[in-house]
Amino acid sequence: MQLLYRRLQALVPRPPKRMWSPIVAQAHSQDKMSNHSPLTTSQKGDYVARQVSDDCIDFSVGQPSPALLPLQALITASAHRLGSPDAQLLLQYGPRQGYLSFRQSLSTFLSERYGIAVQPEHLMVTAGVSHGLGLAVSRLSHPGDIVVVEQPTYFLVTPIFHDNHLTVMPVRTDEYGMVVDELERWLREHPSHRPRLVYTIPVHNNPRGTTLPPDRRRHLMRLASEYDFYVLADEVYQLLTFPHHGSGDRSTGGEDQNSAEKIDDSTSRSRSKSGSESGSMPDPAPPSSSGNAVDGGAGNWLYTAAAASRSAAGLETVPGPLRCYEDCDPRFSRVVSLGSFSKMLAPALRLGWLEGSNPEIMERFKTDGVVSSGGCIAQLATGLAHSALELGLQASHLDDTVRPQLAARCTALVLGLRRHLPPGSWSPSSLVEPRGGYFVWLELRDGIDSRQLLSLAEQKHGVRFTPGPVCGGGPANCLRLAFSFYNEEELEEGARRLGAAVQEYIGL
C-alpha cells in the first residue's frame, strides 16, 4: 500500500505522459472533406465505449469532453485517499449504504449547492444513475406495474423498465417539461390507470433541455400523494446549472415559490422570469431539517443575497430538487432523487447516489440481493470522490471548468443554429436555450424527417445527431443535439454543417 501511495505521489507534480491517455485528441492531419474545418476533439482506444472519429461532428455524443476530464485532480485524490492511515480497509467490502464519512461529506456538498439540508442517512451510494434507477425500479415495483415516462425521454431508460417487465405509459412534454395536467386527466379516466412509478428528468431535461416549473412540480407531488405512486427524479443535471442561474451555485439555493409567474399546464406562454410580479423577494426562511416542504407546500428553503440579486437582475433561477415541493412528513416521502459524479467529475468512476428521506424505502434498497451480497457497490470510487470533496477538487472542477464550459458551449451551439439554419426550415421561437445540462432540442418544420436527414447529414456533410423518434418516441421533425463534447469552434462548425444538410434536404 505504501509503495502504491509513493508511486501516486510521484505522479502528482508531473503532467501525465501522453502514452498513458486512453483518449486520442488531435487535429486533423488532412481533411476528408475539403470544405470542412478541421476538428481537434476525438476519442479512440480500448478504454472508451464510444469511439468518436475526427472526420465527423457527432452531436449524438452525450459525454464530457476528453479535454475536461480531471486526470490530475483524480491522481491527487487517489494519493490522498490511498495514503491515509486506514487505506487498506478501503479495499475491503464496504457498508451497504456507503461509508458514513463519505456520505457526510457528500451531504455537506449537496446542502451547500442545493441550499437545503441533505442528511447523510438519506443518501445511498450507487454505481451511477443507471444502476440507481435499476435498483429503485426493482425494489419499488413488480412485473406488470405501470411506469409513467415523459415523451420524449432519455433514450436508454426504456430498456431498464422493460428488463423489470413494467408497462411504459408515455406522457407528453412541452417547452416547460412534463404536462402534468395530461397525467392527471389520464389518472382520472379509469381506475386501472394507476402507475406504480413516475420517471421524470425535471431539470435540464434529456433530451429537451427543459426545467419543470414550480407549479407543475407541486402539482406532480400532489398527484403522487393522491394516487400513491413513487416519483423517480433523475436529477443528474441539477448541479450542472450554468453559472448565475441558481441551484448548483455554491451557497445560493433555488427558486422561491413566488419567484416565477405561475405557468398553467394548458398554456404555452413564453417562459416566465424569476422574481415575483411585484419585483420583491420574500423574507429568508430556513429549510426544515429534512428540506421538505412540511409547512403547507410552500417549498421553503434557504434564500441568500446571491439569489435575491439574481432575481433583481432579471436572471432566471432554476428550482431546487423536486422533493422541495412535496407537502408531507419526510418520513413518508414518495420521491427518490438520483444523482451522479459522472457528469461533474468522471464517468469511469461509476459512482452516484440515491437520496430519499423515507426510511422504509431506504431499507428496501439496502436489502437488495446484490447489495446484501457485495456491500457498497462502488467502495473504491467512493474513496476517490471523498478526497475530491474534502480537498475542494470537486468544487473547483465543477465551478471553474465544467459549468462555465458547458454554458459557453451551449451558447455557441444555439447562436450557431440561429446563424446557419435555413430560414423557414425551423421556428426560432421553438428553440429553448437550456439553463444547464448537456442538450439542445431542435424542432424543424413539419415534413422534415430527422431519420432521413441524419442519413444525408452523415454521408454528405460530416455531422450526426440523435433523431427525435429515438428519444422514447419524440416527433420525427425533432432532433437532440449534445453540446458537451466539442469546443465552441467545433460546435459552430457543426451548426454550419447541419444547416447545409437541412438546406439540401428541403431542396430535394
Protein backbone atom coordinates (compact mmCIF):
# COMPACT_ATOMS: atom_id res chain seq x y z
CA MET A 1 0.00 0.00 0.00
CA GLN A 2 2.80 2.43 0.89
CA LEU A 3 4.58 1.62 -2.36
CA LEU A 4 1.39 2.40 -4.30
CA TYR A 5 1.00 5.62 -2.31
CA ARG A 6 4.57 6.74 -3.13
CA ARG A 7 4.02 6.00 -6.79
CA LEU A 8 0.83 8.03 -6.87
CA GLN A 9 2.54 10.90 -5.03
CA ALA A 10 5.31 10.88 -7.60
CA LEU A 11 2.72 11.42 -10.31
CA VAL A 12 1.09 14.48 -8.81
CA PRO A 13 3.54 17.25 -9.81
CA ARG A 14 4.09 15.97 -13.31
CA PRO A 15 1.62 16.14 -16.19
CA PRO A 16 0.61 12.66 -17.38
CA LYS A 17 2.64 11.21 -20.20
CA ARG A 18 0.83 11.13 -23.48
CA MET A 19 1.21 7.38 -23.74
CA TRP A 20 -1.00 6.88 -20.69
CA SER A 21 -4.02 8.55 -22.14
CA PRO A 22 -6.85 6.31 -23.34
CA ILE A 23 -8.11 9.27 -25.34
CA VAL A 24 -6.58 10.42 -28.58
CA ALA A 25 -7.45 14.09 -29.06
CA GLN A 26 -5.60 15.54 -32.02
CA ALA A 27 -6.03 17.78 -35.01
CA HIS A 28 -6.79 16.52 -38.48
CA SER A 29 -3.74 15.61 -40.47
CA GLN A 30 -5.82 16.06 -43.58
CA ASP A 31 -9.46 16.92 -44.01
CA LYS A 32 -11.56 14.19 -45.56
CA MET A 33 -13.95 16.83 -46.81
CA SER A 34 -12.20 19.88 -48.19
CA ASN A 35 -15.00 22.28 -47.30
CA HIS A 36 -14.96 21.28 -43.62
CA SER A 37 -12.91 22.96 -40.93
CA PRO A 38 -10.54 20.58 -39.09
CA LEU A 39 -11.59 19.10 -35.75
CA THR A 40 -9.46 18.85 -32.64
CA THR A 41 -11.73 16.67 -30.48
CA SER A 42 -11.98 12.92 -30.91
CA GLN A 43 -11.63 9.83 -28.75
CA LYS A 44 -10.31 6.44 -29.78
CA GLY A 45 -8.83 3.49 -27.97
CA ASP A 46 -9.51 0.44 -25.84
CA TYR A 47 -10.72 2.40 -22.82
CA VAL A 48 -13.72 4.10 -24.37
CA ALA A 49 -17.15 2.65 -25.09
CA ARG A 50 -17.86 5.26 -27.74
CA GLN A 51 -15.29 5.70 -30.49
CA VAL A 52 -15.51 9.22 -31.90
CA SER A 53 -13.55 9.92 -35.07
CA ASP A 54 -12.24 13.28 -36.22
CA ASP A 55 -13.98 13.21 -39.61
CA CYS A 56 -17.49 13.90 -38.30
CA ILE A 57 -19.05 16.20 -35.72
CA ASP A 58 -21.23 13.85 -33.72
CA PHE A 59 -23.92 15.72 -31.78
CA SER A 60 -25.26 12.40 -30.51
CA VAL A 61 -22.32 12.03 -28.10
CA GLY A 62 -23.74 12.98 -24.70
CA GLN A 63 -20.44 12.67 -22.87
CA PRO A 64 -18.00 15.10 -21.27
CA SER A 65 -15.21 16.36 -23.47
CA PRO A 66 -11.95 14.39 -23.05
CA ALA A 67 -10.15 17.68 -22.52
CA LEU A 68 -12.32 18.42 -19.48
CA LEU A 69 -11.78 15.12 -17.63
CA PRO A 70 -9.82 15.95 -14.43
CA LEU A 71 -6.95 13.45 -14.57
CA GLN A 72 -4.61 15.46 -12.33
CA ALA A 73 -7.34 16.03 -9.75
CA LEU A 74 -8.05 12.31 -9.55
CA ILE A 75 -4.34 11.50 -9.25
CA THR A 76 -4.20 13.90 -6.31
CA ALA A 77 -7.37 12.45 -4.79
CA SER A 78 -6.02 8.91 -5.21
CA ALA A 79 -2.74 9.75 -3.49
CA HIS A 80 -4.62 11.46 -0.66
CA ARG A 81 -7.07 8.63 -0.03
CA LEU A 82 -4.69 5.69 -0.53
CA GLY A 83 -2.11 7.41 1.66
CA SER A 84 -4.46 7.69 4.62
CA PRO A 85 -3.65 5.59 7.72
CA ASP A 86 -6.55 3.18 7.29
CA ALA A 87 -6.40 2.99 3.48
CA GLN A 88 -6.12 -0.79 3.45
CA LEU A 89 -9.64 -1.06 4.83
CA LEU A 90 -10.93 0.95 1.88
CA LEU A 91 -10.07 -2.14 -0.17
CA GLN A 92 -12.39 -4.26 1.95
CA TYR A 93 -16.13 -4.84 1.44
CA GLY A 94 -17.89 -1.60 2.33
CA PRO A 95 -21.12 -0.79 4.19
CA ARG A 96 -24.18 -1.30 2.02
CA GLN A 97 -25.25 2.34 2.10
CA GLY A 98 -21.71 3.66 1.60
CA TYR A 99 -19.36 4.53 4.45
CA LEU A 100 -20.59 7.28 6.77
CA SER A 101 -17.82 9.88 6.48
CA PHE A 102 -18.22 9.93 2.70
CA ARG A 103 -21.99 10.39 2.99
CA GLN A 104 -21.37 13.20 5.47
CA SER A 105 -19.03 14.96 3.04
CA LEU A 106 -21.47 14.44 0.17
CA SER A 107 -24.41 15.69 2.23
CA THR A 108 -22.47 18.84 3.13
CA PHE A 109 -21.59 19.41 -0.53
CA LEU A 110 -25.17 18.89 -1.70
CA SER A 111 -26.65 21.02 1.10
CA GLU A 112 -24.37 23.86 0.09
CA ARG A 113 -25.28 23.51 -3.59
CA TYR A 114 -29.00 22.91 -3.18
CA GLY A 115 -29.48 25.48 -0.42
CA ILE A 116 -31.48 22.88 1.52
CA ALA A 117 -30.47 20.38 4.16
CA VAL A 118 -29.40 16.95 2.90
CA GLN A 119 -28.97 14.31 5.59
CA PRO A 120 -26.27 11.59 5.39
CA GLU A 121 -28.77 8.91 6.41
CA HIS A 122 -30.91 9.82 3.38
CA LEU A 123 -28.08 9.01 0.92
CA MET A 124 -27.02 5.67 -0.54
CA VAL A 125 -24.09 5.04 -2.86
CA THR A 126 -24.86 3.70 -6.33
CA ALA A 127 -22.79 2.82 -9.37
CA GLY A 128 -24.22 5.82 -11.23
CA VAL A 129 -27.74 6.88 -12.12
CA SER A 130 -28.42 3.87 -14.35
CA HIS A 131 -27.62 1.48 -11.52
CA GLY A 132 -29.57 3.61 -9.04
CA LEU A 133 -32.57 3.65 -11.32
CA GLY A 134 -32.41 -0.10 -11.84
CA LEU A 135 -32.16 -0.60 -8.08
CA ALA A 136 -35.12 1.70 -7.36
CA VAL A 137 -37.29 0.11 -10.04
CA SER A 138 -36.55 -3.43 -8.88
CA ARG A 139 -37.24 -2.63 -5.22
CA LEU A 140 -40.31 -0.42 -5.65
CA SER A 141 -42.27 -2.20 -8.36
CA HIS A 142 -43.45 -5.61 -9.54
CA PRO A 143 -43.75 -7.14 -13.02
CA GLY A 144 -46.81 -5.77 -14.77
CA ASP A 145 -46.81 -2.46 -12.91
CA ILE A 146 -47.14 0.80 -14.86
CA VAL A 147 -44.36 3.36 -15.06
CA VAL A 148 -45.20 6.80 -16.46
CA VAL A 149 -42.41 8.26 -18.59
CA GLU A 150 -42.06 11.62 -20.27
CA GLN A 151 -42.21 11.65 -24.06
CA PRO A 152 -39.61 12.25 -25.35
CA THR A 153 -37.20 10.97 -22.72
CA TYR A 154 -33.68 9.66 -22.20
CA PHE A 155 -33.42 7.06 -24.95
CA LEU A 156 -31.60 4.39 -22.89
CA VAL A 157 -34.00 4.40 -19.94
CA THR A 158 -36.78 2.30 -21.51
CA PRO A 159 -34.75 -0.96 -21.50
CA ILE A 160 -34.38 -0.65 -17.72
CA PHE A 161 -38.16 -0.62 -17.36
CA HIS A 162 -38.61 -3.44 -19.86
CA ASP A 163 -35.97 -5.54 -18.05
CA ASN A 164 -38.18 -5.28 -14.97
CA HIS A 165 -41.30 -6.21 -17.01
CA LEU A 166 -43.04 -2.87 -16.48
CA THR A 167 -45.66 -1.33 -18.75
CA VAL A 168 -44.44 2.04 -20.03
CA MET A 169 -47.05 4.80 -20.25
CA PRO A 170 -45.81 7.95 -22.07
CA VAL A 171 -46.98 11.43 -21.11
CA ARG A 172 -46.50 14.43 -23.38
CA THR A 173 -44.00 17.19 -22.68
CA ASP A 174 -43.83 20.77 -23.91
CA GLU A 175 -41.33 23.62 -23.60
CA TYR A 176 -41.71 23.52 -19.80
CA GLY A 177 -41.36 19.76 -19.33
CA MET A 178 -43.96 17.17 -18.37
CA VAL A 179 -47.55 18.29 -18.99
CA VAL A 180 -48.83 17.30 -15.56
CA ASP A 181 -52.43 18.22 -16.45
CA GLU A 182 -52.40 15.41 -19.01
CA LEU A 183 -51.09 12.98 -16.43
CA GLU A 184 -53.95 13.95 -14.13
CA ARG A 185 -56.53 13.51 -16.88
CA TRP A 186 -55.21 10.03 -17.60
CA LEU A 187 -55.25 9.11 -13.90
CA ARG A 188 -58.89 10.17 -13.60
CA GLU A 189 -60.05 8.40 -16.77
CA HIS A 190 -60.20 4.89 -15.34
CA PRO A 191 -59.44 3.04 -12.07
CA SER A 192 -56.96 0.86 -13.94
CA HIS A 193 -54.79 3.89 -14.65
CA ARG A 194 -52.71 3.52 -11.50
CA PRO A 195 -48.96 3.75 -12.03
CA ARG A 196 -46.53 2.43 -9.50
CA LEU A 197 -43.78 4.82 -10.66
CA VAL A 198 -43.39 8.10 -12.48
CA TYR A 199 -39.96 8.72 -14.01
CA THR A 200 -39.02 12.32 -14.73
CA ILE A 201 -35.94 14.37 -15.58
CA PRO A 202 -37.23 17.60 -14.04
CA VAL A 203 -34.18 19.81 -14.54
CA HIS A 204 -32.22 20.45 -17.78
CA ASN A 205 -34.10 17.56 -19.28
CA ASN A 206 -32.57 14.98 -21.59
CA PRO A 207 -33.41 15.42 -24.44
CA ARG A 208 -35.41 18.67 -24.38
CA GLY A 209 -33.27 20.80 -22.06
CA THR A 210 -36.40 21.96 -20.22
CA THR A 211 -36.82 22.59 -16.49
CA LEU A 212 -40.14 21.80 -14.80
CA PRO A 213 -41.62 24.98 -13.25
CA PRO A 214 -42.60 25.16 -9.56
CA ASP A 215 -46.37 24.96 -10.19
CA ARG A 216 -46.02 21.72 -12.13
CA ARG A 217 -43.68 20.30 -9.52
CA ARG A 218 -46.23 20.90 -6.77
CA HIS A 219 -48.98 19.50 -8.98
CA LEU A 220 -46.99 16.32 -9.64
CA MET A 221 -46.31 15.80 -5.95
CA ARG A 222 -49.99 16.30 -5.08
CA LEU A 223 -50.87 13.59 -7.60
CA ALA A 224 -48.23 11.28 -6.13
CA SER A 225 -49.88 11.67 -2.74
CA GLU A 226 -53.43 11.26 -4.04
CA TYR A 227 -52.71 8.25 -6.28
CA ASP A 228 -49.96 6.70 -4.17
CA PHE A 229 -47.11 6.38 -6.67
CA TYR A 230 -43.39 6.94 -6.32
CA VAL A 231 -41.57 9.63 -8.29
CA LEU A 232 -38.12 8.74 -9.58
CA ALA A 233 -36.46 12.12 -10.11
CA ASP A 234 -33.41 11.81 -12.37
CA GLU A 235 -31.63 14.96 -11.21
CA VAL A 236 -28.21 14.20 -12.64
CA TYR A 237 -28.11 17.64 -14.28
CA GLN A 238 -29.19 19.62 -11.18
CA LEU A 239 -25.60 20.55 -10.33
CA LEU A 240 -24.83 21.38 -13.97
CA THR A 241 -26.89 24.55 -13.87
CA PHE A 242 -24.98 27.25 -15.70
CA PRO A 243 -23.38 29.98 -13.56
CA HIS A 244 -25.75 32.72 -12.34
CA HIS A 245 -28.87 30.59 -12.71
CA GLY A 246 -29.24 29.37 -9.14
CA SER A 247 -29.36 25.78 -7.89
CA GLY A 248 -25.89 24.39 -8.43
CA ASP A 249 -24.15 27.63 -7.45
CA ARG A 250 -22.33 27.34 -4.17
CA SER A 251 -24.34 28.59 -1.18
CA THR A 252 -27.16 30.06 -3.22
CA GLY A 253 -30.12 27.72 -3.09
CA GLY A 254 -33.00 27.67 -5.51
CA GLU A 255 -36.12 29.48 -6.57
CA ASP A 256 -38.87 30.65 -4.22
CA GLN A 257 -42.45 29.61 -4.66
CA ASN A 258 -43.28 33.22 -5.60
CA SER A 259 -40.20 33.90 -7.71
CA ALA A 260 -41.72 32.84 -11.01
CA GLU A 261 -45.00 33.67 -12.63
CA LYS A 262 -47.41 30.77 -12.47
CA ILE A 263 -47.31 28.66 -15.59
CA ASP A 264 -50.53 26.83 -16.29
CA ASP A 265 -50.10 23.35 -17.76
CA SER A 266 -52.61 24.06 -20.51
CA THR A 267 -50.84 27.17 -21.83
CA SER A 268 -47.71 27.75 -23.85
CA ARG A 269 -46.92 31.28 -22.77
CA SER A 270 -43.35 32.48 -23.07
CA ARG A 271 -41.01 31.46 -20.28
CA SER A 272 -41.52 33.50 -17.11
CA LYS A 273 -38.77 35.48 -15.48
CA SER A 274 -37.65 35.00 -11.90
CA GLY A 275 -38.90 37.40 -9.29
CA SER A 276 -42.45 37.86 -8.12
CA GLU A 277 -44.81 40.07 -10.08
CA SER A 278 -44.23 42.83 -7.57
CA GLY A 279 -40.47 42.50 -8.05
CA SER A 280 -39.86 41.75 -4.38
CA MET A 281 -38.37 38.71 -2.70
CA PRO A 282 -39.89 37.07 0.37
CA ASP A 283 -38.11 37.20 3.69
CA PRO A 284 -35.48 34.48 4.07
CA ALA A 285 -36.88 31.27 5.52
CA PRO A 286 -34.74 28.40 6.76
CA PRO A 287 -35.38 24.89 5.48
CA SER A 288 -36.88 22.19 7.63
CA SER A 289 -34.38 19.69 8.98
CA SER A 290 -35.12 17.44 6.02
CA GLY A 291 -35.51 20.15 3.42
CA ASN A 292 -39.04 19.01 2.57
CA ALA A 293 -41.93 21.45 2.33
CA VAL A 294 -43.64 20.48 5.57
CA ASP A 295 -45.17 23.91 6.04
CA GLY A 296 -48.10 23.56 3.70
CA GLY A 297 -46.45 23.03 0.35
CA ALA A 298 -44.63 26.32 0.10
CA GLY A 299 -41.36 24.64 -0.79
CA ASN A 300 -39.35 26.87 1.55
CA TRP A 301 -35.60 26.67 1.53
CA LEU A 302 -32.57 28.82 2.17
CA TYR A 303 -32.67 32.13 0.32
CA THR A 304 -29.50 34.15 0.06
CA ALA A 305 -28.35 37.56 -1.05
CA ALA A 306 -26.98 35.97 -4.21
CA ALA A 307 -30.37 34.51 -5.11
CA ALA A 308 -32.06 37.86 -4.45
CA SER A 309 -29.56 39.71 -6.63
CA ARG A 310 -30.17 37.28 -9.50
CA SER A 311 -33.89 37.94 -9.26
CA ALA A 312 -33.36 41.71 -9.18
CA ALA A 313 -31.20 41.44 -12.28
CA GLY A 314 -33.96 39.56 -14.10
CA LEU A 315 -31.99 36.31 -14.30
CA GLU A 316 -33.97 33.08 -14.32
CA THR A 317 -33.38 30.90 -11.30
CA VAL A 318 -33.51 27.12 -11.54
CA PRO A 319 -35.72 25.39 -8.94
CA GLY A 320 -34.18 23.19 -6.30
CA PRO A 321 -34.66 19.41 -6.18
CA LEU A 322 -38.14 18.01 -6.73
CA ARG A 323 -38.56 16.89 -3.13
CA CYS A 324 -38.71 20.56 -2.06
CA TYR A 325 -42.24 20.65 -3.48
CA GLU A 326 -43.58 17.70 -1.54
CA ASP A 327 -46.10 18.58 1.17
CA CYS A 328 -45.81 15.71 3.63
CA ASP A 329 -43.84 14.36 6.55
CA PRO A 330 -40.42 13.49 5.05
CA ARG A 331 -40.66 10.02 6.56
CA PHE A 332 -43.48 9.29 4.12
CA SER A 333 -41.88 10.90 1.09
CA ARG A 334 -42.62 9.42 -2.32
CA VAL A 335 -39.60 10.97 -4.05
CA VAL A 336 -36.37 9.17 -4.84
CA SER A 337 -33.71 11.50 -6.26
CA LEU A 338 -30.87 10.16 -8.41
CA GLY A 339 -27.54 11.94 -8.74
CA SER A 340 -24.12 11.12 -10.16
CA PHE A 341 -20.45 12.07 -10.31
CA SER A 342 -20.34 11.02 -13.97
CA LYS A 343 -21.15 14.44 -15.38
CA MET A 344 -19.42 16.58 -12.73
CA LEU A 345 -16.23 14.54 -12.18
CA ALA A 346 -15.68 11.45 -14.39
CA PRO A 347 -17.97 8.79 -15.88
CA ALA A 348 -15.50 5.95 -15.30
CA LEU A 349 -15.86 6.30 -11.54
CA ARG A 350 -19.31 4.70 -11.97
CA LEU A 351 -20.39 6.49 -8.82
CA GLY A 352 -23.66 8.12 -7.90
CA TRP A 353 -26.24 8.28 -5.14
CA LEU A 354 -29.87 7.80 -4.26
CA GLU A 355 -31.50 10.30 -1.93
CA GLY A 356 -34.70 9.50 -0.09
CA SER A 357 -36.00 10.51 3.33
CA ASN A 358 -38.48 7.63 3.61
CA PRO A 359 -36.73 5.05 5.86
CA GLU A 360 -38.89 2.19 4.61
CA ILE A 361 -37.76 2.86 1.04
CA MET A 362 -34.11 3.14 2.06
CA GLU A 363 -34.35 -0.18 3.86
CA ARG A 364 -35.66 -1.80 0.68
CA PHE A 365 -32.65 -0.50 -1.22
CA LYS A 366 -30.18 -1.76 1.38
CA THR A 367 -31.69 -5.23 1.36
CA ASP A 368 -31.32 -5.64 -2.40
CA GLY A 369 -29.71 -9.01 -3.13
CA VAL A 370 -26.67 -7.65 -4.98
CA VAL A 371 -26.01 -5.03 -2.30
CA SER A 372 -26.55 -7.53 0.51
CA SER A 373 -24.02 -9.89 -1.06
CA GLY A 374 -21.32 -7.42 -2.12
CA GLY A 375 -21.76 -4.45 0.19
CA CYS A 376 -21.17 -0.93 -1.13
CA ILE A 377 -21.46 -1.10 -4.89
CA ALA A 378 -18.56 1.31 -5.54
CA GLN A 379 -16.31 1.32 -2.48
CA LEU A 380 -13.00 2.35 -4.07
CA ALA A 381 -14.56 5.02 -6.29
CA THR A 382 -16.31 6.35 -3.19
CA GLY A 383 -12.91 6.86 -1.55
CA LEU A 384 -11.57 8.82 -4.53
CA ALA A 385 -14.67 11.03 -4.68
CA HIS A 386 -14.47 11.52 -0.91
CA SER A 387 -10.99 13.01 -1.25
CA ALA A 388 -12.10 15.09 -4.23
CA LEU A 389 -14.80 16.56 -2.00
CA GLU A 390 -12.55 17.02 1.04
CA LEU A 391 -9.73 18.68 -0.89
CA GLY A 392 -12.06 21.01 -2.77
CA LEU A 393 -11.13 19.40 -6.08
CA GLN A 394 -14.73 18.57 -6.94
CA ALA A 395 -15.96 22.09 -6.18
CA SER A 396 -13.21 23.79 -8.17
CA HIS A 397 -13.61 21.46 -11.14
CA LEU A 398 -17.37 21.97 -11.18
CA ASP A 399 -17.26 25.75 -10.72
CA ASP A 400 -14.15 26.66 -12.68
CA THR A 401 -14.33 24.18 -15.54
CA VAL A 402 -17.49 22.11 -16.02
CA ARG A 403 -20.29 24.65 -15.58
CA PRO A 404 -18.62 27.63 -17.31
CA GLN A 405 -17.51 25.44 -20.22
CA LEU A 406 -20.96 23.91 -20.65
CA ALA A 407 -22.53 27.37 -20.57
CA ALA A 408 -20.15 28.71 -23.22
CA ARG A 409 -20.63 25.66 -25.41
CA CYS A 410 -24.40 25.81 -25.16
CA THR A 411 -24.37 29.45 -26.19
CA ALA A 412 -22.05 28.70 -29.10
CA LEU A 413 -24.34 25.97 -30.41
CA VAL A 414 -27.54 27.96 -30.04
CA LEU A 415 -26.04 31.02 -31.75
CA GLY A 416 -24.61 28.78 -34.48
CA LEU A 417 -28.02 27.23 -35.13
CA ARG A 418 -29.65 30.63 -35.36
CA ARG A 419 -26.99 31.73 -37.86
CA HIS A 420 -26.84 28.68 -40.09
CA LEU A 421 -30.26 27.01 -40.21
CA PRO A 422 -32.10 27.96 -43.42
CA PRO A 423 -34.97 30.41 -42.90
CA GLY A 424 -38.31 28.66 -42.95
CA SER A 425 -36.83 25.29 -42.01
CA TRP A 426 -37.48 25.80 -38.31
CA SER A 427 -39.27 28.05 -35.86
CA PRO A 428 -36.87 30.24 -33.84
CA SER A 429 -39.44 30.55 -31.07
CA SER A 430 -39.37 26.77 -30.58
CA LEU A 431 -35.68 26.73 -29.69
CA VAL A 432 -35.47 26.71 -25.88
CA GLU A 433 -31.99 27.67 -24.74
CA PRO A 434 -31.24 25.46 -21.72
CA ARG A 435 -30.06 26.88 -18.40
CA GLY A 436 -27.86 23.86 -17.75
CA GLY A 437 -27.19 20.26 -18.69
CA TYR A 438 -25.93 18.79 -21.97
CA PHE A 439 -28.60 19.07 -24.65
CA VAL A 440 -30.46 21.33 -27.08
CA TRP A 441 -33.74 20.17 -28.64
CA LEU A 442 -34.25 21.39 -32.20
CA GLU A 443 -37.68 21.38 -33.81
CA LEU A 444 -37.65 21.60 -37.59
CA ARG A 445 -40.68 22.35 -39.72
CA ASP A 446 -43.33 19.70 -40.29
CA GLY A 447 -42.47 17.31 -43.10
CA ILE A 448 -38.78 17.04 -42.28
CA ASP A 449 -37.99 13.53 -41.12
CA SER A 450 -34.93 13.65 -38.83
CA ARG A 451 -34.11 10.00 -39.60
CA GLN A 452 -33.83 10.69 -43.32
CA LEU A 453 -31.97 13.93 -42.58
CA LEU A 454 -29.46 12.01 -40.45
CA SER A 455 -28.53 9.74 -43.34
CA LEU A 456 -27.93 12.70 -45.63
CA ALA A 457 -26.10 14.72 -42.96
CA GLU A 458 -23.74 11.91 -42.06
CA GLN A 459 -22.92 10.79 -45.59
CA LYS A 460 -22.51 14.17 -47.27
CA HIS A 461 -21.95 16.79 -44.57
CA GLY A 462 -19.94 15.15 -41.79
CA VAL A 463 -22.40 15.72 -38.98
CA ARG A 464 -24.53 13.38 -36.85
CA PHE A 465 -27.27 13.81 -34.22
CA THR A 466 -29.95 11.85 -32.38
CA PRO A 467 -33.31 11.80 -34.23
CA GLY A 468 -36.39 12.65 -32.17
CA PRO A 469 -38.10 9.24 -32.54
CA VAL A 470 -35.07 7.56 -30.95
CA CYS A 471 -35.71 9.56 -27.76
CA GLY A 472 -38.59 7.48 -26.48
CA GLY A 473 -40.89 8.33 -29.36
CA GLY A 474 -40.18 12.01 -29.94
CA PRO A 475 -41.57 13.75 -33.04
CA ALA A 476 -39.98 12.87 -36.38
CA ASN A 477 -39.17 16.52 -37.14
CA CYS A 478 -37.12 16.98 -33.95
CA LEU A 479 -33.53 16.17 -33.08
CA ARG A 480 -31.36 16.16 -29.97
CA LEU A 481 -28.01 17.94 -30.10
CA ALA A 482 -25.38 17.45 -27.37
CA PHE A 483 -23.02 20.37 -26.78
CA SER A 484 -20.87 18.77 -24.04
CA PHE A 485 -18.26 17.00 -26.15
CA TYR A 486 -16.97 19.61 -28.61
CA ASN A 487 -15.39 23.02 -28.14
CA GLU A 488 -17.06 26.25 -29.21
CA GLU A 489 -15.43 26.46 -32.62
CA GLU A 490 -16.39 22.88 -33.42
CA LEU A 491 -19.96 23.49 -32.30
CA GLU A 492 -20.16 26.48 -34.63
CA GLU A 493 -18.82 24.31 -37.43
CA GLY A 494 -21.28 21.56 -36.56
CA ALA A 495 -24.16 24.03 -36.75
CA ARG A 496 -22.91 25.16 -40.16
CA ARG A 497 -22.76 21.57 -41.41
CA LEU A 498 -26.22 20.82 -40.05
CA GLY A 499 -27.61 23.94 -41.71
CA ALA A 500 -26.13 22.84 -45.02
CA ALA A 501 -27.64 19.37 -44.62
CA VAL A 502 -31.08 20.84 -43.87
CA GLN A 503 -30.76 23.15 -46.86
CA GLU A 504 -30.01 20.22 -49.16
CA TYR A 505 -32.80 18.13 -47.62
CA ILE A 506 -35.53 20.72 -48.15
CA GLY A 507 -34.24 21.36 -51.68
CA LEU A 508 -34.52 17.75 -52.74
